[in-house]
Amino acid sequence: MFNKSLTSFRMAALGLAVAGSMMTTTQVMAEDAVEVAASAAVSSMYLWRGQDLGNGSPAISGDVTVSTAGAYAGVWASSGDTAFGSEYDLYVGYGAEVEGFSFDVSLWNYNYANEPGTDGSDEELDTFGALTDLVISLGFGPVTFTYYDNVAGNTGSEYYTLEAGYEKFSAKLGYSDTEAEDSDYTHLDLTYAYNDKFELYCKQDC
């Protein structure tokens, strides 16, 4: 589910949340260099593209990823979406880094088992491929630019982010561009990593 200059936005609303995460990772290395990783997290809010989809409710999420030689595929699942209910995402992609420059290209398929359709259509969102984003990321050092293009389901929606991090601090500037009238918005998310298990989030609409 990041654009304009950091000095050009207007602070319209401010939200502060404390999120705790519990991460576990299991790696299995074989002769063909296949890695399997898993993680789980608990958060006080479901923050997605600058929006709290859980209306302040906590969310539990987890993922499993299989990767080899830069290519990867996996599944991510979460509770906490008030509108659509529980969610699971399927993804596949490829990424690499060379002398500080990095890139990543992936496809993400979003599934909401409790939601019958979107935009007034009869399309089931729990059908594979019904709602899919193409995601392209380019990075250099601590700065990353990411482009999201909705290629299936509610097509015409695009999202851009510019992220940067320094030590325990990180910032994400995002812009959502949709076909719906007066629905575009810009946001800024600030994060402070208190330790490996707890992070502070500050969400600002611009």
Protein backbone atom coordinates (compact mmCIF):
# COMPACT_ATOMS: atom_id res chain seq x y z
CA MET A 1 0.00 0.00 0.00
CA PHE A 2 5.01 7.54 -0.91
CA ASN A 3 6.53 12.99 -3.46
CA LYS A 4 6.40 16.53 -2.65
CA SER A 5 9.00 18.59 -0.85
CA LEU A 6 9.15 18.15 2.90
CA THR A 7 8.75 21.92 3.24
CA SER A 8 5.64 22.20 1.07
CA PHE A 9 3.04 20.37 3.13
CA ARG A 10 0.57 21.73 5.67
CA MET A 11 0.05 20.09 9.07
CA ALA A 12 -3.71 19.47 9.22
CA ALA A 13 -4.02 16.66 11.75
CA LEU A 14 -1.72 14.86 14.13
CA GLY A 15 -2.01 11.37 15.55
CA LEU A 16 0.34 9.59 17.90
CA ALA A 17 0.45 5.88 18.54
CA VAL A 18 2.71 3.47 20.34
CA ALA A 19 3.20 0.15 18.62
CA GLY A 20 4.86 -2.93 20.01
CA SER A 21 6.18 -5.67 17.79
CA MET A 22 7.41 -9.14 18.48
CA MET A 23 9.64 -10.47 15.76
CA THR A 24 10.75 -14.05 15.24
CA THR A 25 12.79 -15.22 12.28
CA THR A 26 13.61 -18.71 11.13
CA GLN A 27 16.09 -19.27 8.34
CA VAL A 28 16.68 -22.51 6.49
CA MET A 29 19.75 -22.54 4.25
CA ALA A 30 20.28 -25.34 1.75
CA GLU A 31 22.79 -26.02 -1.01
CA ASP A 32 20.63 -24.01 -3.47
CA ALA A 33 20.67 -20.99 -1.07
CA VAL A 34 16.94 -21.02 -0.31
CA GLU A 35 15.98 -18.97 2.75
CA VAL A 36 12.72 -19.21 4.68
CA ALA A 37 11.90 -16.33 7.05
CA ALA A 38 8.87 -15.71 9.27
CA SER A 39 7.84 -12.85 11.55
CA ALA A 40 4.95 -11.79 13.78
CA ALA A 41 3.98 -8.39 15.18
CA VAL A 42 1.45 -6.73 17.48
CA SER A 43 0.62 -3.06 16.86
CA SER A 44 -1.70 -0.54 18.51
CA MET A 45 -3.00 0.55 15.07
CA TYR A 46 -3.19 -0.61 11.44
CA LEU A 47 -1.33 2.21 9.67
CA TRP A 48 -1.64 1.88 5.87
CA ARG A 49 -0.63 4.64 3.45
CA GLY A 50 -1.00 7.23 6.17
CA GLN A 51 -4.46 6.02 7.20
CA ASP A 52 -5.51 4.17 10.34
CA LEU A 53 -7.67 1.39 8.86
CA GLY A 54 -8.51 -0.01 12.28
CA ASN A 55 -10.03 3.16 13.77
CA GLY A 56 -7.64 2.92 16.70
CA SER A 57 -8.03 -0.83 17.21
CA PRO A 58 -4.88 -2.95 17.65
CA ALA A 59 -3.72 -5.28 14.87
CA ILE A 60 -1.92 -8.62 14.81
CA SER A 61 0.10 -9.49 11.72
CA GLY A 62 2.57 -12.05 10.46
CA ASP A 63 4.35 -13.18 7.32
CA VAL A 64 6.29 -16.05 5.77
CA THR A 65 8.76 -15.42 2.94
CA VAL A 66 10.79 -17.82 0.77
CA SER A 67 13.73 -16.26 -1.09
CA THR A 68 16.70 -17.24 -3.22
CA ALA A 69 19.24 -15.23 -5.25
CA GLY A 70 17.20 -12.02 -4.92
CA ALA A 71 13.85 -13.56 -5.87
CA TYR A 72 11.19 -14.01 -3.19
CA ALA A 73 7.56 -14.97 -2.61
CA GLY A 74 5.37 -15.14 0.44
CA VAL A 75 2.18 -14.38 2.33
CA TRP A 76 1.37 -11.62 4.84
CA ALA A 77 -1.77 -11.61 7.01
CA SER A 78 -3.30 -9.11 9.42
CA SER A 79 -6.34 -8.36 11.53
CA GLY A 80 -7.51 -4.87 12.38
CA ASP A 81 -9.06 -3.55 9.15
CA THR A 82 -12.42 -2.19 10.35
CA ALA A 83 -13.97 -1.81 6.88
CA PHE A 84 -12.85 -5.01 5.14
CA GLY A 85 -12.08 -7.31 8.08
CA SER A 86 -9.20 -9.76 8.14
CA GLU A 87 -6.68 -9.54 5.31
CA TYR A 88 -4.06 -11.71 3.68
CA ASP A 89 -1.67 -10.65 0.93
CA LEU A 90 0.27 -12.78 -1.53
CA TYR A 91 3.45 -11.36 -3.03
CA VAL A 92 6.28 -12.24 -5.40
CA GLY A 93 9.25 -10.12 -6.42
CA TYR A 94 12.92 -9.62 -7.10
CA GLY A 95 15.42 -7.18 -5.57
CA ALA A 96 19.16 -6.49 -5.50
CA GLU A 97 21.71 -3.97 -4.24
CA VAL A 98 24.93 -2.82 -5.94
CA GLU A 99 27.37 -0.35 -4.33
CA GLY A 100 24.70 1.43 -2.28
CA PHE A 101 22.05 1.44 -5.02
CA SER A 102 19.08 -0.88 -4.56
CA PHE A 103 15.96 -1.82 -6.52
CA ASP A 104 12.97 -4.05 -5.94
CA VAL A 105 10.06 -5.02 -8.22
CA SER A 106 7.10 -6.99 -6.87
CA LEU A 107 3.43 -7.86 -7.31
CA TRP A 108 1.10 -7.77 -4.29
CA ASN A 109 -2.34 -9.38 -4.32
CA TYR A 110 -4.66 -8.16 -1.51
CA ASN A 111 -7.45 -10.38 -0.23
CA TYR A 112 -10.26 -9.42 2.19
CA ALA A 113 -12.40 -12.44 2.95
CA ASN A 114 -15.20 -10.46 4.62
CA GLU A 115 -15.74 -7.86 1.89
CA PRO A 116 -18.08 -8.80 -1.03
CA GLY A 117 -16.86 -6.14 -3.48
CA THR A 118 -15.42 -2.70 -4.07
CA ASP A 119 -16.59 0.43 -5.89
CA GLY A 120 -20.09 -1.01 -6.24
CA SER A 121 -18.94 -4.03 -8.25
CA ASP A 122 -19.87 -7.65 -7.66
CA GLU A 123 -16.24 -8.74 -7.73
CA GLU A 124 -15.20 -10.76 -4.71
CA LEU A 125 -12.05 -9.42 -3.06
CA ASP A 126 -11.18 -12.87 -1.76
CA THR A 127 -10.68 -14.02 -5.38
CA PHE A 128 -7.02 -14.40 -6.34
CA GLY A 129 -5.87 -11.49 -8.48
CA ALA A 130 -8.96 -9.35 -7.84
CA LEU A 131 -6.97 -6.51 -6.24
CA THR A 132 -3.28 -6.31 -7.20
CA ASP A 133 -0.50 -3.68 -7.05
CA LEU A 134 2.75 -3.48 -9.00
CA VAL A 135 5.39 -2.07 -6.64
CA ILE A 136 8.72 -0.61 -7.82
CA SER A 137 11.34 0.66 -5.33
CA LEU A 138 14.61 2.49 -6.00
CA GLY A 139 17.02 3.32 -3.20
CA PHE A 140 20.38 4.85 -2.47
CA GLY A 141 21.80 4.58 1.03
CA PRO A 142 19.10 5.49 3.59
CA VAL A 143 16.71 7.04 1.00
CA THR A 144 14.10 5.00 -0.92
CA PHE A 145 11.50 6.02 -3.50
CA THR A 146 8.59 3.60 -4.09
CA TYR A 147 5.84 3.61 -6.72
CA TYR A 148 2.62 1.58 -6.43
CA ASP A 149 0.39 1.03 -9.47
CA ASN A 150 -2.98 -0.67 -9.01
CA VAL A 151 -2.99 -3.02 -12.01
CA ALA A 152 -6.07 -5.10 -11.12
CA GLY A 153 -9.21 -4.15 -9.20
CA ASN A 154 -10.00 -0.44 -8.75
CA THR A 155 -7.45 0.35 -11.48
CA GLY A 156 -6.29 3.93 -11.82
CA SER A 157 -5.06 4.26 -8.25
CA GLU A 158 -1.40 5.18 -7.79
CA TYR A 159 0.66 5.79 -4.66
CA TYR A 160 4.15 7.25 -4.18
CA THR A 161 6.43 7.34 -1.17
CA LEU A 162 9.78 8.87 -0.30
CA GLU A 163 11.42 7.37 2.80
CA ALA A 164 14.58 8.21 4.70
CA GLY A 165 16.11 6.96 7.92
CA TYR A 166 18.85 7.99 10.34
CA GLU A 167 19.79 5.79 13.28
CA LYS A 168 16.53 5.22 15.24
CA PHE A 169 14.51 7.83 13.31
CA SER A 170 12.72 7.44 9.98
CA ALA A 171 10.29 9.48 7.92
CA LYS A 172 7.91 8.55 5.10
CA LEU A 173 6.27 11.13 2.82
CA GLY A 174 3.38 9.67 0.83
CA TYR A 175 1.03 10.83 -1.91
CA SER A 176 -2.12 8.94 -2.98
CA ASP A 177 -3.43 9.66 -6.49
CA THR A 178 -6.81 8.12 -7.34
CA GLU A 179 -9.48 8.58 -10.00
CA ALA A 180 -12.10 9.41 -7.37
CA GLU A 181 -12.83 13.13 -7.16
CA ASP A 182 -11.30 15.04 -4.22
CA SER A 183 -9.81 11.85 -2.73
CA ASP A 184 -6.11 12.54 -3.32
CA TYR A 185 -4.06 13.24 -0.21
CA THR A 186 -0.53 13.66 1.11
CA HIS A 187 0.74 12.40 4.46
CA LEU A 188 3.87 12.20 6.57
CA ASP A 189 4.65 9.33 8.96
CA LEU A 190 7.44 9.70 11.52
CA THR A 191 8.88 6.73 13.40
CA TYR A 192 11.19 6.41 16.37
CA ALA A 193 12.51 2.92 17.16
CA TYR A 194 12.69 2.89 20.95
CA ASN A 195 14.20 -0.60 20.84
CA ASP A 196 13.85 -3.81 18.85
CA LYS A 197 10.29 -4.41 20.11
CA PHE A 198 8.70 -0.97 20.40
CA GLU A 199 8.28 1.91 17.96
CA LEU A 200 6.59 5.32 18.23
CA TYR A 201 4.50 6.41 15.24
CA CYS A 202 3.42 9.96 14.46
CA LYS A 203 0.89 10.31 11.62
CA GLN A 204 0.27 13.71 10.01
CA ASP A 205 -2.15 14.55 7.20
CA CYS A 206 -0.86 17.26 4.89
